[in-house]
Amino acid sequence: MSPEDNKAVVRRLYQAFSTGDLKAMEDVVATNAVDFMSLEGQAPGVEGFKERITGFRKGFPDLTITIEAMVAEGDMVESARCSAALTAVSLWAFQRPANR
């Protein structure tokens, strides 16, 4: 695949994470993919990525991921991203101090 093709795959991956599109994960993640940042008990491969998205979307249903910049060389892609979710802010910003 060309660097531009690889960038398109990464873009689709973050879009799937941002929207919760589990079907898209099957299109962009290999069934035997290794998640080097897997959570404890997370299934291997694409099923593990789906679990991660589902968990994030439960905690942050309004999560959005915006790619600010992307560079690719060969089969490597790096991106600068901005993630936002008002859910976390609204849960924590209005809590009273614990007075401990």
C-alpha atoms as a PDB file:
ATOM      1  CA  MET A   1       0.000   0.000   0.000  1.00  0.00           C
ATOM      2  CA  SER A   2       1.147   3.536  -0.647  1.00  0.00           C
ATOM      3  CA  PRO A   3       1.735   6.034   2.184  1.00  0.00           C
ATOM      4  CA  GLU A   4      -1.492   7.784   1.142  1.00  0.00           C
ATOM      5  CA  ASP A   5      -3.398   4.483   1.335  1.00  0.00           C
ATOM      6  CA  ASN A   6      -1.954   3.862   4.801  1.00  0.00           C
ATOM      7  CA  LYS A   7      -2.999   7.352   5.914  1.00  0.00           C
ATOM      8  CA  ALA A   8      -6.531   6.623   4.677  1.00  0.00           C
ATOM      9  CA  VAL A   9      -6.638   3.450   6.818  1.00  0.00           C
ATOM     10  CA  VAL A  10      -5.485   5.340   9.925  1.00  0.00           C
ATOM     11  CA  ARG A  11      -8.001   8.105   9.219  1.00  0.00           C
ATOM     12  CA  ARG A  12     -10.773   5.475   8.976  1.00  0.00           C
ATOM     13  CA  LEU A  13      -9.596   3.856  12.222  1.00  0.00           C
ATOM     14  CA  TYR A  14      -9.881   7.117  14.165  1.00  0.00           C
ATOM     15  CA  GLN A  15     -13.191   7.901  12.499  1.00  0.00           C
ATOM     16  CA  ALA A  16     -14.501   4.493  13.639  1.00  0.00           C
ATOM     17  CA  PHE A  17     -13.263   5.186  17.175  1.00  0.00           C
ATOM     18  CA  SER A  18     -14.898   8.611  17.109  1.00  0.00           C
ATOM     19  CA  THR A  19     -18.268   7.332  15.862  1.00  0.00           C
ATOM     20  CA  GLY A  20     -18.320   3.880  17.479  1.00  0.00           C
ATOM     21  CA  ASP A  21     -18.566   2.176  14.083  1.00  0.00           C
ATOM     22  CA  LEU A  22     -17.662  -1.423  14.941  1.00  0.00           C
ATOM     23  CA  LYS A  23     -18.192  -2.639  11.372  1.00  0.00           C
ATOM     24  CA  ALA A  24     -15.505  -0.239  10.158  1.00  0.00           C
ATOM     25  CA  MET A  25     -13.055  -1.880  12.565  1.00  0.00           C
ATOM     26  CA  GLU A  26     -13.458  -5.127  10.630  1.00  0.00           C
ATOM     27  CA  ASP A  27     -12.504  -3.235   7.465  1.00  0.00           C
ATOM     28  CA  VAL A  28      -9.329  -1.593   8.801  1.00  0.00           C
ATOM     29  CA  VAL A  29      -7.985  -3.921  11.530  1.00  0.00           C
ATOM     30  CA  ALA A  30      -6.566  -7.348  10.701  1.00  0.00           C
ATOM     31  CA  THR A  31      -8.171 -10.269  12.511  1.00  0.00           C
ATOM     32  CA  ASN A  32      -4.771 -11.139  14.003  1.00  0.00           C
ATOM     33  CA  ALA A  33      -3.711  -7.539  14.815  1.00  0.00           C
ATOM     34  CA  VAL A  34      -1.693  -7.054  18.001  1.00  0.00           C
ATOM     35  CA  ASP A  35      -2.722  -4.181  20.280  1.00  0.00           C
ATOM     36  CA  PHE A  36       0.405  -3.204  22.172  1.00  0.00           C
ATOM     37  CA  MET A  37      -1.668  -1.071  24.535  1.00  0.00           C
ATOM     38  CA  SER A  38      -4.371  -3.652  25.224  1.00  0.00           C
ATOM     39  CA  LEU A  39      -6.413  -3.492  28.381  1.00  0.00           C
ATOM     40  CA  GLU A  40      -6.346  -6.292  30.926  1.00  0.00           C
ATOM     41  CA  GLY A  41      -8.586  -9.112  29.693  1.00  0.00           C
ATOM     42  CA  GLN A  42      -8.992  -7.573  26.234  1.00  0.00           C
ATOM     43  CA  ALA A  43      -9.547 -10.102  23.448  1.00  0.00           C
ATOM     44  CA  PRO A  44      -6.857 -10.354  20.761  1.00  0.00           C
ATOM     45  CA  GLY A  45      -7.170  -9.005  17.240  1.00  0.00           C
ATOM     46  CA  VAL A  46     -10.028  -7.007  15.823  1.00  0.00           C
ATOM     47  CA  GLU A  47     -12.406  -8.220  18.552  1.00  0.00           C
ATOM     48  CA  GLY A  48     -10.193  -6.564  21.159  1.00  0.00           C
ATOM     49  CA  PHE A  49     -10.252  -3.271  19.254  1.00  0.00           C
ATOM     50  CA  LYS A  50     -14.056  -3.503  19.137  1.00  0.00           C
ATOM     51  CA  GLU A  51     -14.142  -4.088  22.903  1.00  0.00           C
ATOM     52  CA  ARG A  52     -11.977  -1.021  23.431  1.00  0.00           C
ATOM     53  CA  ILE A  53     -14.218   1.184  21.282  1.00  0.00           C
ATOM     54  CA  THR A  54     -17.328  -0.098  23.042  1.00  0.00           C
ATOM     55  CA  GLY A  55     -15.794   0.633  26.448  1.00  0.00           C
ATOM     56  CA  PHE A  56     -14.669   4.136  25.484  1.00  0.00           C
ATOM     57  CA  ARG A  57     -18.050   4.924  23.956  1.00  0.00           C
ATOM     58  CA  LYS A  58     -19.821   3.814  27.158  1.00  0.00           C
ATOM     59  CA  GLY A  59     -17.674   6.114  29.252  1.00  0.00           C
ATOM     60  CA  PHE A  60     -17.524   8.944  26.735  1.00  0.00           C
ATOM     61  CA  PRO A  61     -20.553   8.719  24.418  1.00  0.00           C
ATOM     62  CA  ASP A  62     -19.776  12.118  22.900  1.00  0.00           C
ATOM     63  CA  LEU A  63     -16.112  11.327  22.202  1.00  0.00           C
ATOM     64  CA  THR A  64     -14.738  12.921  19.056  1.00  0.00           C
ATOM     65  CA  ILE A  65     -11.260  12.477  17.629  1.00  0.00           C
ATOM     66  CA  THR A  66     -10.007  15.068  15.180  1.00  0.00           C
ATOM     67  CA  ILE A  67      -6.826  14.466  13.198  1.00  0.00           C
ATOM     68  CA  GLU A  68      -4.893  17.738  13.106  1.00  0.00           C
ATOM     69  CA  ALA A  69      -1.925  16.523  11.037  1.00  0.00           C
ATOM     70  CA  MET A  70      -0.690  13.263   9.554  1.00  0.00           C
ATOM     71  CA  VAL A  71       2.588  12.110   8.049  1.00  0.00           C
ATOM     72  CA  ALA A  72       3.414   8.782   6.428  1.00  0.00           C
ATOM     73  CA  GLU A  73       6.578   7.116   5.239  1.00  0.00           C
ATOM     74  CA  GLY A  74       6.524   3.598   3.846  1.00  0.00           C
ATOM     75  CA  ASP A  75       4.133   1.581   5.995  1.00  0.00           C
ATOM     76  CA  MET A  76       4.383   3.877   9.038  1.00  0.00           C
ATOM     77  CA  VAL A  77       1.855   6.595   9.841  1.00  0.00           C
ATOM     78  CA  GLU A  78       1.901   9.135  12.661  1.00  0.00           C
ATOM     79  CA  SER A  79      -0.825  11.608  13.460  1.00  0.00           C
ATOM     80  CA  ALA A  80      -1.417  14.548  15.752  1.00  0.00           C
ATOM     81  CA  ARG A  81      -4.911  14.210  17.169  1.00  0.00           C
ATOM     82  CA  CYS A  82      -7.252  16.097  19.415  1.00  0.00           C
ATOM     83  CA  SER A  83      -9.706  14.065  21.473  1.00  0.00           C
ATOM     84  CA  ALA A  84     -12.656  15.713  23.177  1.00  0.00           C
ATOM     85  CA  ALA A  85     -15.576  14.542  25.268  1.00  0.00           C
ATOM     86  CA  LEU A  86     -17.799  16.850  27.266  1.00  0.00           C
ATOM     87  CA  THR A  87     -19.108  13.885  29.250  1.00  0.00           C
ATOM     88  CA  ALA A  88     -15.941  13.708  31.359  1.00  0.00           C
ATOM     89  CA  VAL A  89     -15.960  17.449  31.964  1.00  0.00           C
ATOM     90  CA  SER A  90     -19.580  17.484  33.039  1.00  0.00           C
ATOM     91  CA  LEU A  91     -19.027  14.527  35.373  1.00  0.00           C
ATOM     92  CA  TRP A  92     -16.032  16.065  37.146  1.00  0.00           C
ATOM     93  CA  ALA A  93     -16.379  19.824  36.782  1.00  0.00           C
ATOM     94  CA  PHE A  94     -19.485  20.129  38.909  1.00  0.00           C
ATOM     95  CA  GLN A  95     -18.667  17.773  41.763  1.00  0.00           C
ATOM     96  CA  ARG A  96     -18.320  19.247  45.211  1.00  0.00           C
ATOM     97  CA  PRO A  97     -14.950  18.917  46.977  1.00  0.00           C
ATOM     98  CA  ALA A  98     -14.578  15.844  49.182  1.00  0.00           C
ATOM     99  CA  ASN A  99     -13.215  18.024  52.056  1.00  0.00           C
ATOM    100  CA  ARG A 100     -10.601  15.443  52.966  1.00  0.00           C
END
